[in-house]
Amino acid sequence: MDYFLFNFSGVQFHYTMSLEEKYKTIGLNIMYYRRALSLTQSELAEKAKMSRARVSDIECGKGPFNMESIFLLAQALGVDPVRLLQERK
């Protein structure tokens, strides 16, 4: 387990989870917001200008992926990118 701290949009994030757990958390958040909008992976992929396979990989927590992907998905979902990075409770 590692410790990770970063500041994003004025919000500090402290992580004590593994890198794999971080990827999984981000993927689950993307899936949550996609389903809330009743979008398919293909529809989200089209809006985010990426392949459906890439959206699927990210939702399944298969990393690594870059911040550009996070920003594109957040924009397509209409949410602040920070929401995709936070642990859901």
PDB file of N, CA and C in Angstrom:
ATOM      1  N   MET A   1       0.831  -1.166   0.000  1.00  0.00           N
ATOM      2  CA  MET A   1       0.000   0.000   0.000  1.00  0.00           C
ATOM      3  C   MET A   1       0.886   1.243   0.000  1.00  0.00           C
ATOM      4  N   ASP A   2       0.518   2.230  -0.786  1.00  0.00           N
ATOM      5  CA  ASP A   2       1.306   3.448  -0.837  1.00  0.00           C
ATOM      6  C   ASP A   2       0.483   4.618  -0.323  1.00  0.00           C
ATOM      7  N   TYR A   3       1.147   5.725  -0.136  1.00  0.00           N
ATOM      8  CA  TYR A   3       0.487   6.945   0.302  1.00  0.00           C
ATOM      9  C   TYR A   3       0.653   7.956  -0.798  1.00  0.00           C
ATOM     10  N   PHE A   4      -0.424   8.606  -1.160  1.00  0.00           N
ATOM     11  CA  PHE A   4      -0.415   9.487  -2.311  1.00  0.00           C
ATOM     12  C   PHE A   4      -1.154  10.761  -1.945  1.00  0.00           C
ATOM     13  N   LEU A   5      -0.571  11.904  -2.207  1.00  0.00           N
ATOM     14  CA  LEU A   5      -1.205  13.180  -1.935  1.00  0.00           C
ATOM     15  C   LEU A   5      -1.047  14.059  -3.161  1.00  0.00           C
ATOM     16  N   PHE A   6      -2.140  14.672  -3.590  1.00  0.00           N
ATOM     17  CA  PHE A   6      -2.026  15.672  -4.636  1.00  0.00           C
ATOM     18  C   PHE A   6      -3.122  16.702  -4.479  1.00  0.00           C
ATOM     19  N   ASN A   7      -2.926  17.838  -5.116  1.00  0.00           N
ATOM     20  CA  ASN A   7      -3.868  18.940  -5.056  1.00  0.00           C
ATOM     21  C   ASN A   7      -4.437  19.120  -6.454  1.00  0.00           C
ATOM     22  N   PHE A   8      -5.767  19.092  -6.558  1.00  0.00           N
ATOM     23  CA  PHE A   8      -6.426  19.211  -7.850  1.00  0.00           C
ATOM     24  C   PHE A   8      -7.586  20.170  -7.698  1.00  0.00           C
ATOM     25  N   SER A   9      -7.561  21.263  -8.429  1.00  0.00           N
ATOM     26  CA  SER A   9      -8.632  22.277  -8.363  1.00  0.00           C
ATOM     27  C   SER A   9      -8.864  22.750  -6.930  1.00  0.00           C
ATOM     28  N   GLY A  10      -7.776  22.891  -6.172  1.00  0.00           N
ATOM     29  CA  GLY A  10      -7.892  23.377  -4.813  1.00  0.00           C
ATOM     30  C   GLY A  10      -8.338  22.340  -3.798  1.00  0.00           C
ATOM     31  N   VAL A  11      -8.534  21.099  -4.243  1.00  0.00           N
ATOM     32  CA  VAL A  11      -8.955  20.031  -3.340  1.00  0.00           C
ATOM     33  C   VAL A  11      -7.781  19.085  -3.145  1.00  0.00           C
ATOM     34  N   GLN A  12      -7.425  18.812  -1.899  1.00  0.00           N
ATOM     35  CA  GLN A  12      -6.332  17.882  -1.640  1.00  0.00           C
ATOM     36  C   GLN A  12      -6.875  16.466  -1.530  1.00  0.00           C
ATOM     37  N   PHE A  13      -6.172  15.546  -2.136  1.00  0.00           N
ATOM     38  CA  PHE A  13      -6.549  14.148  -2.102  1.00  0.00           C
ATOM     39  C   PHE A  13      -5.468  13.355  -1.387  1.00  0.00           C
ATOM     40  N   HIS A  14      -5.858  12.575  -0.436  1.00  0.00           N
ATOM     41  CA  HIS A  14      -4.964  11.695   0.297  1.00  0.00           C
ATOM     42  C   HIS A  14      -5.404  10.268  -0.014  1.00  0.00           C
ATOM     43  N   TYR A  15      -4.514   9.486  -0.509  1.00  0.00           N
ATOM     44  CA  TYR A  15      -4.828   8.106  -0.817  1.00  0.00           C
ATOM     45  C   TYR A  15      -3.905   7.179  -0.045  1.00  0.00           C
ATOM     46  N   THR A  16      -4.466   6.173   0.516  1.00  0.00           N
ATOM     47  CA  THR A  16      -3.665   5.140   1.151  1.00  0.00           C
ATOM     48  C   THR A  16      -3.996   3.798   0.509  1.00  0.00           C
ATOM     49  N   MET A  17      -4.511   3.842  -0.696  1.00  0.00           N
ATOM     50  CA  MET A  17      -4.856   2.618  -1.405  1.00  0.00           C
ATOM     51  C   MET A  17      -3.822   2.343  -2.488  1.00  0.00           C
ATOM     52  N   SER A  18      -3.830   1.136  -2.979  1.00  0.00           N
ATOM     53  CA  SER A  18      -2.888   0.762  -4.040  1.00  0.00           C
ATOM     54  C   SER A  18      -3.278   1.449  -5.343  1.00  0.00           C
ATOM     55  N   LEU A  19      -2.347   1.478  -6.258  1.00  0.00           N
ATOM     56  CA  LEU A  19      -2.593   2.074  -7.561  1.00  0.00           C
ATOM     57  C   LEU A  19      -3.744   1.361  -8.260  1.00  0.00           C
ATOM     58  N   GLU A  20      -3.807   0.049  -8.148  1.00  0.00           N
ATOM     59  CA  GLU A  20      -4.893  -0.717  -8.772  1.00  0.00           C
ATOM     60  C   GLU A  20      -6.244  -0.321  -8.178  1.00  0.00           C
ATOM     61  N   GLU A  21      -6.286  -0.096  -6.869  1.00  0.00           N
ATOM     62  CA  GLU A  21      -7.527   0.332  -6.212  1.00  0.00           C
ATOM     63  C   GLU A  21      -7.940   1.729  -6.669  1.00  0.00           C
ATOM     64  N   LYS A  22      -6.969   2.591  -6.918  1.00  0.00           N
ATOM     65  CA  LYS A  22      -7.266   3.939  -7.410  1.00  0.00           C
ATOM     66  C   LYS A  22      -7.908   3.864  -8.787  1.00  0.00           C
ATOM     67  N   TYR A  23      -7.331   3.035  -9.668  1.00  0.00           N
ATOM     68  CA  TYR A  23      -7.896   2.882 -11.009  1.00  0.00           C
ATOM     69  C   TYR A  23      -9.315   2.341 -10.936  1.00  0.00           C
ATOM     70  N   LYS A  24      -9.545   1.385 -10.044  1.00  0.00           N
ATOM     71  CA  LYS A  24     -10.868   0.784  -9.885  1.00  0.00           C
ATOM     72  C   LYS A  24     -11.878   1.825  -9.390  1.00  0.00           C
ATOM     73  N   THR A  25     -11.465   2.650  -8.432  1.00  0.00           N
ATOM     74  CA  THR A  25     -12.337   3.706  -7.908  1.00  0.00           C
ATOM     75  C   THR A  25     -12.748   4.671  -9.010  1.00  0.00           C
ATOM     76  N   ILE A  26     -11.795   5.104  -9.810  1.00  0.00           N
ATOM     77  CA  ILE A  26     -12.092   6.024 -10.911  1.00  0.00           C
ATOM     78  C   ILE A  26     -13.040   5.356 -11.900  1.00  0.00           C
ATOM     79  N   GLY A  27     -12.772   4.108 -12.248  1.00  0.00           N
ATOM     80  CA  GLY A  27     -13.629   3.378 -13.177  1.00  0.00           C
ATOM     81  C   GLY A  27     -15.052   3.236 -12.675  1.00  0.00           C
ATOM     82  N   LEU A  28     -15.207   2.921 -11.398  1.00  0.00           N
ATOM     83  CA  LEU A  28     -16.548   2.789 -10.823  1.00  0.00           C
ATOM     84  C   LEU A  28     -17.285   4.120 -10.811  1.00  0.00           C
ATOM     85  N   ASN A  29     -16.561   5.204 -10.568  1.00  0.00           N
ATOM     86  CA  ASN A  29     -17.188   6.528 -10.606  1.00  0.00           C
ATOM     87  C   ASN A  29     -17.682   6.862 -12.015  1.00  0.00           C
ATOM     88  N   ILE A  30     -16.879   6.554 -13.007  1.00  0.00           N
ATOM     89  CA  ILE A  30     -17.285   6.813 -14.386  1.00  0.00           C
ATOM     90  C   ILE A  30     -18.527   5.999 -14.714  1.00  0.00           C
ATOM     91  N   MET A  31     -18.533   4.738 -14.325  1.00  0.00           N
ATOM     92  CA  MET A  31     -19.693   3.876 -14.571  1.00  0.00           C
ATOM     93  C   MET A  31     -20.938   4.433 -13.859  1.00  0.00           C
ATOM     94  N   TYR A  32     -20.780   4.888 -12.626  1.00  0.00           N
ATOM     95  CA  TYR A  32     -21.890   5.439 -11.858  1.00  0.00           C
ATOM     96  C   TYR A  32     -22.531   6.617 -12.603  1.00  0.00           C
ATOM     97  N   TYR A  33     -21.713   7.585 -13.025  1.00  0.00           N
ATOM     98  CA  TYR A  33     -22.248   8.766 -13.703  1.00  0.00           C
ATOM     99  C   TYR A  33     -22.797   8.420 -15.085  1.00  0.00           C
ATOM    100  N   ARG A  34     -22.173   7.485 -15.778  1.00  0.00           N
ATOM    101  CA  ARG A  34     -22.681   7.061 -17.089  1.00  0.00           C
ATOM    102  C   ARG A  34     -24.065   6.449 -16.948  1.00  0.00           C
ATOM    103  N   ARG A  35     -24.222   5.560 -15.978  1.00  0.00           N
ATOM    104  CA  ARG A  35     -25.517   4.915 -15.760  1.00  0.00           C
ATOM    105  C   ARG A  35     -26.571   5.906 -15.284  1.00  0.00           C
ATOM    106  N   ALA A  36     -26.145   6.887 -14.482  1.00  0.00           N
ATOM    107  CA  ALA A  36     -27.085   7.917 -14.016  1.00  0.00           C
ATOM    108  C   ALA A  36     -27.663   8.706 -15.187  1.00  0.00           C
ATOM    109  N   LEU A  37     -26.893   8.811 -16.254  1.00  0.00           N
ATOM    110  CA  LEU A  37     -27.353   9.504 -17.468  1.00  0.00           C
ATOM    111  C   LEU A  37     -27.979   8.546 -18.476  1.00  0.00           C
ATOM    112  N   SER A  38     -28.083   7.271 -18.115  1.00  0.00           N
ATOM    113  CA  SER A  38     -28.628   6.225 -19.001  1.00  0.00           C
ATOM    114  C   SER A  38     -27.891   6.160 -20.333  1.00  0.00           C
ATOM    115  N   LEU A  39     -26.568   6.278 -20.260  1.00  0.00           N
ATOM    116  CA  LEU A  39     -25.734   6.185 -21.460  1.00  0.00           C
ATOM    117  C   LEU A  39     -25.125   4.793 -21.551  1.00  0.00           C
ATOM    118  N   THR A  40     -24.977   4.307 -22.753  1.00  0.00           N
ATOM    119  CA  THR A  40     -24.213   3.086 -22.972  1.00  0.00           C
ATOM    120  C   THR A  40     -22.732   3.461 -23.031  1.00  0.00           C
ATOM    121  N   GLN A  41     -21.876   2.467 -22.943  1.00  0.00           N
ATOM    122  CA  GLN A  41     -20.441   2.735 -23.100  1.00  0.00           C
ATOM    123  C   GLN A  41     -20.163   3.320 -24.474  1.00  0.00           C
ATOM    124  N   SER A  42     -20.847   2.837 -25.486  1.00  0.00           N
ATOM    125  CA  SER A  42     -20.650   3.354 -26.847  1.00  0.00           C
ATOM    126  C   SER A  42     -21.045   4.817 -26.954  1.00  0.00           C
ATOM    127  N   GLU A  43     -22.155   5.183 -26.329  1.00  0.00           N
ATOM    128  CA  GLU A  43     -22.603   6.577 -26.366  1.00  0.00           C
ATOM    129  C   GLU A  43     -21.618   7.483 -25.627  1.00  0.00           C
ATOM    130  N   LEU A  44     -21.146   7.028 -24.481  1.00  0.00           N
ATOM    131  CA  LEU A  44     -20.154   7.818 -23.744  1.00  0.00           C
ATOM    132  C   LEU A  44     -18.868   7.940 -24.542  1.00  0.00           C
ATOM    133  N   ALA A  45     -18.449   6.851 -25.133  1.00  0.00           N
ATOM    134  CA  ALA A  45     -17.223   6.864 -25.940  1.00  0.00           C
ATOM    135  C   ALA A  45     -17.329   7.874 -27.075  1.00  0.00           C
ATOM    136  N   GLU A  46     -18.467   7.900 -27.729  1.00  0.00           N
ATOM    137  CA  GLU A  46     -18.661   8.844 -28.834  1.00  0.00           C
ATOM    138  C   GLU A  46     -18.590  10.282 -28.327  1.00  0.00           C
ATOM    139  N   LYS A  47     -19.250  10.558 -27.210  1.00  0.00           N
ATOM    140  CA  LYS A  47     -19.224  11.909 -26.642  1.00  0.00           C
ATOM    141  C   LYS A  47     -17.828  12.310 -26.189  1.00  0.00           C
ATOM    142  N   ALA A  48     -17.052  11.341 -25.690  1.00  0.00           N
ATOM    143  CA  ALA A  48     -15.701  11.624 -25.186  1.00  0.00           C
ATOM    144  C   ALA A  48     -14.630  11.494 -26.262  1.00  0.00           C
ATOM    145  N   LYS A  49     -15.049  11.112 -27.452  1.00  0.00           N
ATOM    146  CA  LYS A  49     -14.121  10.956 -28.580  1.00  0.00           C
ATOM    147  C   LYS A  49     -13.020   9.934 -28.292  1.00  0.00           C
ATOM    148  N   MET A  50     -13.467   8.770 -27.798  1.00  0.00           N
ATOM    149  CA  MET A  50     -12.550   7.654 -27.589  1.00  0.00           C
ATOM    150  C   MET A  50     -13.286   6.366 -27.937  1.00  0.00           C
ATOM    151  N   SER A  51     -12.587   5.276 -27.977  1.00  0.00           N
ATOM    152  CA  SER A  51     -13.212   4.013 -28.352  1.00  0.00           C
ATOM    153  C   SER A  51     -14.036   3.432 -27.204  1.00  0.00           C
ATOM    154  N   ARG A  52     -15.023   2.621 -27.542  1.00  0.00           N
ATOM    155  CA  ARG A  52     -15.825   1.947 -26.537  1.00  0.00           C
ATOM    156  C   ARG A  52     -14.957   1.018 -25.709  1.00  0.00           C
ATOM    157  N   ALA A  53     -14.004   0.359 -26.358  1.00  0.00           N
ATOM    158  CA  ALA A  53     -13.099  -0.549 -25.650  1.00  0.00           C
ATOM    159  C   ALA A  53     -12.293   0.206 -24.596  1.00  0.00           C
ATOM    160  N   ARG A  54     -11.893   1.420 -24.913  1.00  0.00           N
ATOM    161  CA  ARG A  54     -11.124   2.215 -23.944  1.00  0.00           C
ATOM    162  C   ARG A  54     -11.993   2.590 -22.751  1.00  0.00           C
ATOM    163  N   VAL A  55     -13.237   2.999 -23.013  1.00  0.00           N
ATOM    164  CA  VAL A  55     -14.159   3.310 -21.917  1.00  0.00           C
ATOM    165  C   VAL A  55     -14.351   2.075 -21.047  1.00  0.00           C
ATOM    166  N   SER A  56     -14.537   0.929 -21.666  1.00  0.00           N
ATOM    167  CA  SER A  56     -14.715  -0.327 -20.932  1.00  0.00           C
ATOM    168  C   SER A  56     -13.494  -0.617 -20.066  1.00  0.00           C
ATOM    169  N   ASP A  57     -12.308  -0.481 -20.640  1.00  0.00           N
ATOM    170  CA  ASP A  57     -11.073  -0.731 -19.883  1.00  0.00           C
ATOM    171  C   ASP A  57     -10.973   0.192 -18.665  1.00  0.00           C
ATOM    172  N   ILE A  58     -11.281   1.469 -18.864  1.00  0.00           N
ATOM    173  CA  ILE A  58     -11.194   2.435 -17.763  1.00  0.00           C
ATOM    174  C   ILE A  58     -12.225   2.102 -16.691  1.00  0.00           C
ATOM    175  N   GLU A  59     -13.455   1.788 -17.106  1.00  0.00           N
ATOM    176  CA  GLU A  59     -14.493   1.436 -16.133  1.00  0.00           C
ATOM    177  C   GLU A  59     -14.128   0.178 -15.344  1.00  0.00           C
ATOM    178  N   CYS A  60     -13.395  -0.718 -15.966  1.00  0.00           N
ATOM    179  CA  CYS A  60     -12.973  -1.950 -15.280  1.00  0.00           C
ATOM    180  C   CYS A  60     -11.721  -1.745 -14.435  1.00  0.00           C
ATOM    181  N   GLY A  61     -11.194  -0.525 -14.430  1.00  0.00           N
ATOM    182  CA  GLY A  61     -10.021  -0.217 -13.616  1.00  0.00           C
ATOM    183  C   GLY A  61      -8.716  -0.659 -14.230  1.00  0.00           C
ATOM    184  N   LYS A  62      -8.735  -0.894 -15.532  1.00  0.00           N
ATOM    185  CA  LYS A  62      -7.502  -1.299 -16.211  1.00  0.00           C
ATOM    186  C   LYS A  62      -6.691  -0.054 -16.552  1.00  0.00           C
ATOM    187  N   GLY A  63      -5.673   0.182 -15.776  1.00  0.00           N
ATOM    188  CA  GLY A  63      -4.812   1.340 -15.992  1.00  0.00           C
ATOM    189  C   GLY A  63      -3.547   0.897 -16.695  1.00  0.00           C
ATOM    190  N   PRO A  64      -2.666   1.799 -16.923  1.00  0.00           N
ATOM    191  CA  PRO A  64      -2.807   3.206 -16.582  1.00  0.00           C
ATOM    192  C   PRO A  64      -3.590   3.967 -17.647  1.00  0.00           C
ATOM    193  N   PHE A  65      -4.142   5.081 -17.235  1.00  0.00           N
ATOM    194  CA  PHE A  65      -4.758   6.000 -18.180  1.00  0.00           C
ATOM    195  C   PHE A  65      -4.350   7.403 -17.771  1.00  0.00           C
ATOM    196  N   ASN A  66      -4.416   8.318 -18.703  1.00  0.00           N
ATOM    197  CA  ASN A  66      -3.895   9.650 -18.445  1.00  0.00           C
ATOM    198  C   ASN A  66      -4.994  10.629 -18.041  1.00  0.00           C
ATOM    199  N   MET A  67      -4.574  11.783 -17.596  1.00  0.00           N
ATOM    200  CA  MET A  67      -5.522  12.805 -17.149  1.00  0.00           C
ATOM    201  C   MET A  67      -6.372  13.316 -18.302  1.00  0.00           C
ATOM    202  N   GLU A  68      -5.844  13.296 -19.517  1.00  0.00           N
ATOM    203  CA  GLU A  68      -6.647  13.726 -20.662  1.00  0.00           C
ATOM    204  C   GLU A  68      -7.907  12.867 -20.774  1.00  0.00           C
ATOM    205  N   SER A  69      -7.760  11.562 -20.570  1.00  0.00           N
ATOM    206  CA  SER A  69      -8.919  10.672 -20.613  1.00  0.00           C
ATOM    207  C   SER A  69      -9.927  11.033 -19.533  1.00  0.00           C
ATOM    208  N   ILE A  70      -9.441  11.349 -18.339  1.00  0.00           N
ATOM    209  CA  ILE A  70     -10.319  11.745 -17.233  1.00  0.00           C
ATOM    210  C   ILE A  70     -11.071  13.025 -17.598  1.00  0.00           C
ATOM    211  N   PHE A  71     -10.361  14.003 -18.140  1.00  0.00           N
ATOM    212  CA  PHE A  71     -11.001  15.263 -18.517  1.00  0.00           C
ATOM    213  C   PHE A  71     -12.035  15.061 -19.619  1.00  0.00           C
ATOM    214  N   LEU A  72     -11.704  14.265 -20.626  1.00  0.00           N
ATOM    215  CA  LEU A  72     -12.653  14.012 -21.713  1.00  0.00           C
ATOM    216  C   LEU A  72     -13.907  13.303 -21.211  1.00  0.00           C
ATOM    217  N   LEU A  73     -13.729  12.318 -20.348  1.00  0.00           N
ATOM    218  CA  LEU A  73     -14.878  11.593 -19.806  1.00  0.00           C
ATOM    219  C   LEU A  73     -15.709  12.482 -18.888  1.00  0.00           C
ATOM    220  N   ALA A  74     -15.051  13.270 -18.060  1.00  0.00           N
ATOM    221  CA  ALA A  74     -15.778  14.179 -17.172  1.00  0.00           C
ATOM    222  C   ALA A  74     -16.606  15.176 -17.972  1.00  0.00           C
ATOM    223  N   GLN A  75     -16.012  15.717 -19.023  1.00  0.00           N
ATOM    224  CA  GLN A  75     -16.730  16.666 -19.875  1.00  0.00           C
ATOM    225  C   GLN A  75     -17.934  15.986 -20.535  1.00  0.00           C
ATOM    226  N   ALA A  76     -17.742  14.791 -21.032  1.00  0.00           N
ATOM    227  CA  ALA A  76     -18.834  14.057 -21.679  1.00  0.00           C
ATOM    228  C   ALA A  76     -19.943  13.722 -20.689  1.00  0.00           C
ATOM    229  N   LEU A  77     -19.580  13.504 -19.428  1.00  0.00           N
ATOM    230  CA  LEU A  77     -20.557  13.179 -18.388  1.00  0.00           C
ATOM    231  C   LEU A  77     -21.153  14.421 -17.728  1.00  0.00           C
ATOM    232  N   GLY A  78     -20.569  15.586 -17.994  1.00  0.00           N
ATOM    233  CA  GLY A  78     -21.061  16.823 -17.414  1.00  0.00           C
ATOM    234  C   GLY A  78     -20.760  16.953 -15.928  1.00  0.00           C
ATOM    235  N   VAL A  79     -19.628  16.382 -15.499  1.00  0.00           N
ATOM    236  CA  VAL A  79     -19.243  16.462 -14.087  1.00  0.00           C
ATOM    237  C   VAL A  79     -17.840  17.045 -13.965  1.00  0.00           C
ATOM    238  N   ASP A  80     -17.547  17.567 -12.795  1.00  0.00           N
ATOM    239  CA  ASP A  80     -16.207  18.054 -12.498  1.00  0.00           C
ATOM    240  C   ASP A  80     -15.273  16.844 -12.449  1.00  0.00           C
ATOM    241  N   PRO A  81     -14.108  16.913 -13.059  1.00  0.00           N
ATOM    242  CA  PRO A  81     -13.176  15.777 -13.023  1.00  0.00           C
ATOM    243  C   PRO A  81     -12.856  15.299 -11.612  1.00  0.00           C
ATOM    244  N   VAL A  82     -12.899  16.182 -10.642  1.00  0.00           N
ATOM    245  CA  VAL A  82     -12.623  15.819  -9.253  1.00  0.00           C
ATOM    246  C   VAL A  82     -13.575  14.720  -8.795  1.00  0.00           C
ATOM    247  N   ARG A  83     -14.825  14.767  -9.238  1.00  0.00           N
ATOM    248  CA  ARG A  83     -15.811  13.755  -8.830  1.00  0.00           C
ATOM    249  C   ARG A  83     -15.423  12.357  -9.297  1.00  0.00           C
ATOM    250  N   LEU A  84     -14.699  12.272 -10.383  1.00  0.00           N
ATOM    251  CA  LEU A  84     -14.277  10.962 -10.883  1.00  0.00           C
ATOM    252  C   LEU A  84     -13.115  10.398 -10.069  1.00  0.00           C
ATOM    253  N   LEU A  85     -12.390  11.264  -9.370  1.00  0.00           N
ATOM    254  CA  LEU A  85     -11.216  10.848  -8.613  1.00  0.00           C
ATOM    255  C   LEU A  85     -11.517  10.513  -7.159  1.00  0.00           C
ATOM    256  N   GLN A  86     -12.629  10.990  -6.653  1.00  0.00           N
ATOM    257  CA  GLN A  86     -12.942  10.826  -5.238  1.00  0.00           C
ATOM    258  C   GLN A  86     -13.533   9.457  -4.951  1.00  0.00           C
ATOM    259  N   GLU A  87     -13.214   8.963  -3.761  1.00  0.00           N
ATOM    260  CA  GLU A  87     -13.841   7.721  -3.296  1.00  0.00           C
ATOM    261  C   GLU A  87     -15.297   8.006  -2.982  1.00  0.00           C
ATOM    262  N   ARG A  88     -16.176   7.134  -3.465  1.00  0.00           N
ATOM    263  CA  ARG A  88     -17.614   7.275  -3.168  1.00  0.00           C
ATOM    264  C   ARG A  88     -17.889   6.576  -1.853  1.00  0.00           C
ATOM    265  N   LYS A  89     -18.750   7.173  -1.061  1.00  0.00           N
ATOM    266  CA  LYS A  89     -19.088   6.572   0.240  1.00  0.00           C
ATOM    267  C   LYS A  89     -20.509   6.099   0.252  1.00  0.00           C
TER     268      LYS A  89
END
